[in-house]
């Protein structure tokens, strides 16, 4: 692909993202139009619905989706496998276990907006090698706790 085609596709994608970010907060059971929004004729309830409910949800959804897309891209690039997912290596199971332990221990403290479990995971991950982190995620997979692991059945047999 040449650079013109790539820049055209990026431009179209950016226009669609910006358009959806502009239109999404306006859609809902309470009608809010762009003319009312920019004209300053919103009622107090419409203003509260737009600024306190809809706009934060749209922006957080955009940030969460973008973060998940980037983390998936990094995950696949590091492992050099286009089929790599957090479920393949047990990272999702390890995250579930970590969040369950975090909730049971009641470690409800935050530092710079990040929860205590995030800081503890970052501190312990920093001291370990990447292959050990992957193996730890695989160990916490619920299928590995069963006697008959469906993920490790021999291929070609019954």
C-alpha atoms as a PDB file:
ATOM      1  CA  UNK A   1       0.000   0.000   0.000  1.00  0.00           C
ATOM      2  CA  UNK A   2       1.225   3.419  -0.807  1.00  0.00           C
ATOM      3  CA  UNK A   3       1.273   6.328   1.609  1.00  0.00           C
ATOM      4  CA  UNK A   4      -1.665   8.065  -0.089  1.00  0.00           C
ATOM      5  CA  UNK A   5      -3.972   5.136   0.443  1.00  0.00           C
ATOM      6  CA  UNK A   6      -2.904   4.758   4.072  1.00  0.00           C
ATOM      7  CA  UNK A   7      -3.406   8.450   4.811  1.00  0.00           C
ATOM      8  CA  UNK A   8      -6.813   8.361   3.100  1.00  0.00           C
ATOM      9  CA  UNK A   9      -7.917   5.423   5.237  1.00  0.00           C
ATOM     10  CA  UNK A  10      -6.620   7.057   8.398  1.00  0.00           C
ATOM     11  CA  UNK A  11      -8.455  10.262   7.505  1.00  0.00           C
ATOM     12  CA  UNK A  12     -11.723   8.413   6.944  1.00  0.00           C
ATOM     13  CA  UNK A  13     -11.286   6.508  10.217  1.00  0.00           C
ATOM     14  CA  UNK A  14     -10.512   9.713  12.133  1.00  0.00           C
ATOM     15  CA  UNK A  15     -13.576  11.426  10.634  1.00  0.00           C
ATOM     16  CA  UNK A  16     -15.803   8.490  11.635  1.00  0.00           C
ATOM     17  CA  UNK A  17     -14.390   8.462  15.181  1.00  0.00           C
ATOM     18  CA  UNK A  18     -14.863  12.213  15.619  1.00  0.00           C
ATOM     19  CA  UNK A  19     -18.357  11.997  14.147  1.00  0.00           C
ATOM     20  CA  UNK A  20     -19.353   9.195  16.481  1.00  0.00           C
ATOM     21  CA  UNK A  21     -17.913  11.091  19.463  1.00  0.00           C
ATOM     22  CA  UNK A  22     -20.003  14.127  18.518  1.00  0.00           C
ATOM     23  CA  UNK A  23     -23.241  12.287  17.784  1.00  0.00           C
ATOM     24  CA  UNK A  24     -23.221   9.613  20.516  1.00  0.00           C
ATOM     25  CA  UNK A  25     -23.909  11.907  23.504  1.00  0.00           C
ATOM     26  CA  UNK A  26     -26.909  13.367  21.685  1.00  0.00           C
ATOM     27  CA  UNK A  27     -28.704  10.034  21.256  1.00  0.00           C
ATOM     28  CA  UNK A  28     -30.980   8.834  24.035  1.00  0.00           C
ATOM     29  CA  UNK A  29     -34.515   8.928  25.406  1.00  0.00           C
ATOM     30  CA  UNK A  30     -34.190  12.658  26.185  1.00  0.00           C
ATOM     31  CA  UNK A  31     -33.689  14.549  22.956  1.00  0.00           C
ATOM     32  CA  UNK A  32     -30.730  16.925  22.837  1.00  0.00           C
ATOM     33  CA  UNK A  33     -29.935  18.670  19.566  1.00  0.00           C
ATOM     34  CA  UNK A  34     -26.697  20.264  18.447  1.00  0.00           C
ATOM     35  CA  UNK A  35     -28.496  23.592  18.027  1.00  0.00           C
ATOM     36  CA  UNK A  36     -29.668  23.515  21.645  1.00  0.00           C
ATOM     37  CA  UNK A  37     -26.241  22.438  22.850  1.00  0.00           C
ATOM     38  CA  UNK A  38     -24.270  25.148  21.037  1.00  0.00           C
ATOM     39  CA  UNK A  39     -27.037  27.742  21.307  1.00  0.00           C
ATOM     40  CA  UNK A  40     -27.111  27.504  25.078  1.00  0.00           C
ATOM     41  CA  UNK A  41     -30.833  26.774  25.253  1.00  0.00           C
ATOM     42  CA  UNK A  42     -30.538  23.499  27.170  1.00  0.00           C
ATOM     43  CA  UNK A  43     -32.742  23.089  30.200  1.00  0.00           C
ATOM     44  CA  UNK A  44     -31.101  22.257  33.524  1.00  0.00           C
ATOM     45  CA  UNK A  45     -32.080  18.574  33.262  1.00  0.00           C
ATOM     46  CA  UNK A  46     -30.778  18.332  29.687  1.00  0.00           C
ATOM     47  CA  UNK A  47     -27.507  19.993  30.723  1.00  0.00           C
ATOM     48  CA  UNK A  48     -27.095  17.555  33.608  1.00  0.00           C
ATOM     49  CA  UNK A  49     -27.898  14.553  31.380  1.00  0.00           C
ATOM     50  CA  UNK A  50     -25.449  15.674  28.710  1.00  0.00           C
ATOM     51  CA  UNK A  51     -22.491  16.783  30.844  1.00  0.00           C
ATOM     52  CA  UNK A  52     -22.846  14.458  33.844  1.00  0.00           C
ATOM     53  CA  UNK A  53     -24.076  11.243  32.240  1.00  0.00           C
ATOM     54  CA  UNK A  54     -23.710  10.972  28.480  1.00  0.00           C
ATOM     55  CA  UNK A  55     -20.464  12.791  27.751  1.00  0.00           C
ATOM     56  CA  UNK A  56     -18.394  11.000  30.427  1.00  0.00           C
ATOM     57  CA  UNK A  57     -19.744   7.624  29.317  1.00  0.00           C
ATOM     58  CA  UNK A  58     -18.896   8.265  25.680  1.00  0.00           C
ATOM     59  CA  UNK A  59     -15.404   9.531  26.474  1.00  0.00           C
ATOM     60  CA  UNK A  60     -14.639   6.678  28.874  1.00  0.00           C
ATOM     61  CA  UNK A  61     -15.956   4.155  26.365  1.00  0.00           C
ATOM     62  CA  UNK A  62     -13.694   5.674  23.719  1.00  0.00           C
ATOM     63  CA  UNK A  63     -10.677   5.565  26.032  1.00  0.00           C
ATOM     64  CA  UNK A  64     -11.395   2.019  27.221  1.00  0.00           C
ATOM     65  CA  UNK A  65     -11.862   0.717  23.675  1.00  0.00           C
ATOM     66  CA  UNK A  66      -8.712   2.433  22.472  1.00  0.00           C
ATOM     67  CA  UNK A  67      -6.738   1.088  25.421  1.00  0.00           C
ATOM     68  CA  UNK A  68      -7.938  -2.449  24.765  1.00  0.00           C
ATOM     69  CA  UNK A  69      -7.059  -2.151  21.076  1.00  0.00           C
ATOM     70  CA  UNK A  70      -3.557  -0.891  21.818  1.00  0.00           C
ATOM     71  CA  UNK A  71      -2.948  -3.525  24.492  1.00  0.00           C
ATOM     72  CA  UNK A  72      -4.059  -6.252  22.076  1.00  0.00           C
ATOM     73  CA  UNK A  73      -1.735  -4.876  19.426  1.00  0.00           C
ATOM     74  CA  UNK A  74       1.186  -4.810  21.857  1.00  0.00           C
ATOM     75  CA  UNK A  75       0.370  -8.315  23.071  1.00  0.00           C
ATOM     76  CA  UNK A  76       0.352  -9.698  19.524  1.00  0.00           C
ATOM     77  CA  UNK A  77       3.490  -7.787  18.545  1.00  0.00           C
ATOM     78  CA  UNK A  78       5.486  -8.947  21.568  1.00  0.00           C
ATOM     79  CA  UNK A  79       4.575 -12.585  21.043  1.00  0.00           C
ATOM     80  CA  UNK A  80       4.791 -12.269  17.237  1.00  0.00           C
ATOM     81  CA  UNK A  81       1.541 -14.173  16.934  1.00  0.00           C
ATOM     82  CA  UNK A  82      -1.565 -12.602  15.354  1.00  0.00           C
ATOM     83  CA  UNK A  83      -3.774 -15.085  17.224  1.00  0.00           C
ATOM     84  CA  UNK A  84      -2.408 -14.285  20.690  1.00  0.00           C
ATOM     85  CA  UNK A  85      -5.092 -13.316  23.179  1.00  0.00           C
ATOM     86  CA  UNK A  86      -5.104 -12.867  26.944  1.00  0.00           C
ATOM     87  CA  UNK A  87      -7.186 -16.036  27.191  1.00  0.00           C
ATOM     88  CA  UNK A  88      -4.639 -18.124  25.265  1.00  0.00           C
ATOM     89  CA  UNK A  89      -1.904 -17.780  27.864  1.00  0.00           C
ATOM     90  CA  UNK A  90      -4.076 -17.463  30.950  1.00  0.00           C
ATOM     91  CA  UNK A  91      -3.491 -13.768  31.523  1.00  0.00           C
ATOM     92  CA  UNK A  92      -7.227 -13.113  31.743  1.00  0.00           C
ATOM     93  CA  UNK A  93      -7.562 -15.856  34.349  1.00  0.00           C
ATOM     94  CA  UNK A  94      -4.662 -14.421  36.311  1.00  0.00           C
ATOM     95  CA  UNK A  95      -6.280 -10.997  36.203  1.00  0.00           C
ATOM     96  CA  UNK A  96      -9.550 -12.511  37.440  1.00  0.00           C
ATOM     97  CA  UNK A  97      -7.751 -14.236  40.283  1.00  0.00           C
ATOM     98  CA  UNK A  98      -5.908 -11.041  41.155  1.00  0.00           C
ATOM     99  CA  UNK A  99      -9.079  -8.987  41.229  1.00  0.00           C
ATOM    100  CA  UNK A 100     -10.851 -11.603  43.379  1.00  0.00           C
ATOM    101  CA  UNK A 101      -7.971 -11.650  45.870  1.00  0.00           C
ATOM    102  CA  UNK A 102      -7.888  -7.853  45.808  1.00  0.00           C
ATOM    103  CA  UNK A 103     -11.599  -7.672  46.656  1.00  0.00           C
ATOM    104  CA  UNK A 104     -11.397 -10.320  49.359  1.00  0.00           C
ATOM    105  CA  UNK A 105      -8.462  -8.643  51.066  1.00  0.00           C
ATOM    106  CA  UNK A 106     -10.236  -5.309  50.971  1.00  0.00           C
ATOM    107  CA  UNK A 107      -7.177  -3.498  49.661  1.00  0.00           C
ATOM    108  CA  UNK A 108      -9.221  -0.479  48.686  1.00  0.00           C
ATOM    109  CA  UNK A 109      -6.478   2.133  48.660  1.00  0.00           C
ATOM    110  CA  UNK A 110      -5.464   4.225  45.673  1.00  0.00           C
ATOM    111  CA  UNK A 111      -2.357   6.124  44.704  1.00  0.00           C
ATOM    112  CA  UNK A 112      -2.446   8.543  41.766  1.00  0.00           C
ATOM    113  CA  UNK A 113      -5.841   7.162  40.764  1.00  0.00           C
ATOM    114  CA  UNK A 114      -4.680   3.551  40.456  1.00  0.00           C
ATOM    115  CA  UNK A 115      -5.904   0.903  42.859  1.00  0.00           C
ATOM    116  CA  UNK A 116      -3.724  -0.966  45.294  1.00  0.00           C
ATOM    117  CA  UNK A 117      -3.973  -4.181  43.303  1.00  0.00           C
ATOM    118  CA  UNK A 118      -2.581  -2.427  40.240  1.00  0.00           C
ATOM    119  CA  UNK A 119       0.411  -1.154  42.185  1.00  0.00           C
ATOM    120  CA  UNK A 120       1.042  -4.550  43.788  1.00  0.00           C
ATOM    121  CA  UNK A 121       0.856  -6.289  40.412  1.00  0.00           C
ATOM    122  CA  UNK A 122       3.213  -3.751  38.859  1.00  0.00           C
ATOM    123  CA  UNK A 123       5.729  -4.094  41.682  1.00  0.00           C
ATOM    124  CA  UNK A 124       5.740  -7.890  41.584  1.00  0.00           C
ATOM    125  CA  UNK A 125       5.809  -8.034  37.774  1.00  0.00           C
ATOM    126  CA  UNK A 126       8.805  -5.736  37.658  1.00  0.00           C
ATOM    127  CA  UNK A 127      10.900  -8.197  39.646  1.00  0.00           C
ATOM    128  CA  UNK A 128      10.010 -11.266  37.577  1.00  0.00           C
ATOM    129  CA  UNK A 129      11.032 -12.406  34.130  1.00  0.00           C
ATOM    130  CA  UNK A 130       8.443 -12.264  31.315  1.00  0.00           C
ATOM    131  CA  UNK A 131       8.383 -16.039  30.864  1.00  0.00           C
ATOM    132  CA  UNK A 132       7.604 -16.493  34.556  1.00  0.00           C
ATOM    133  CA  UNK A 133       4.736 -14.014  34.311  1.00  0.00           C
ATOM    134  CA  UNK A 134       3.251 -15.935  31.390  1.00  0.00           C
ATOM    135  CA  UNK A 135       3.625 -19.248  33.229  1.00  0.00           C
ATOM    136  CA  UNK A 136       2.025 -17.761  36.340  1.00  0.00           C
ATOM    137  CA  UNK A 137      -0.949 -16.695  34.235  1.00  0.00           C
ATOM    138  CA  UNK A 138      -1.195 -20.192  32.770  1.00  0.00           C
ATOM    139  CA  UNK A 139      -1.132 -21.743  36.239  1.00  0.00           C
ATOM    140  CA  UNK A 140      -4.090 -19.712  37.406  1.00  0.00           C
ATOM    141  CA  UNK A 141      -6.267 -20.784  34.470  1.00  0.00           C
ATOM    142  CA  UNK A 142      -9.353 -22.555  35.853  1.00  0.00           C
ATOM    143  CA  UNK A 143      -8.953 -25.400  33.347  1.00  0.00           C
ATOM    144  CA  UNK A 144      -5.562 -26.228  34.834  1.00  0.00           C
ATOM    145  CA  UNK A 145      -7.162 -26.768  38.229  1.00  0.00           C
ATOM    146  CA  UNK A 146      -9.295 -29.600  36.867  1.00  0.00           C
ATOM    147  CA  UNK A 147      -7.997 -33.148  36.529  1.00  0.00           C
ATOM    148  CA  UNK A 148      -8.996 -33.311  32.875  1.00  0.00           C
ATOM    149  CA  UNK A 149      -7.684 -30.203  31.180  1.00  0.00           C
ATOM    150  CA  UNK A 150      -9.535 -29.712  27.855  1.00  0.00           C
ATOM    151  CA  UNK A 151      -6.730 -27.465  26.631  1.00  0.00           C
ATOM    152  CA  UNK A 152      -4.087 -30.202  26.888  1.00  0.00           C
ATOM    153  CA  UNK A 153      -5.845 -33.160  25.265  1.00  0.00           C
ATOM    154  CA  UNK A 154      -3.697 -35.030  22.765  1.00  0.00           C
ATOM    155  CA  UNK A 155      -4.497 -34.155  19.183  1.00  0.00           C
ATOM    156  CA  UNK A 156      -5.804 -36.781  16.827  1.00  0.00           C
ATOM    157  CA  UNK A 157      -7.000 -39.079  19.592  1.00  0.00           C
ATOM    158  CA  UNK A 158     -10.255 -39.484  21.478  1.00  0.00           C
END
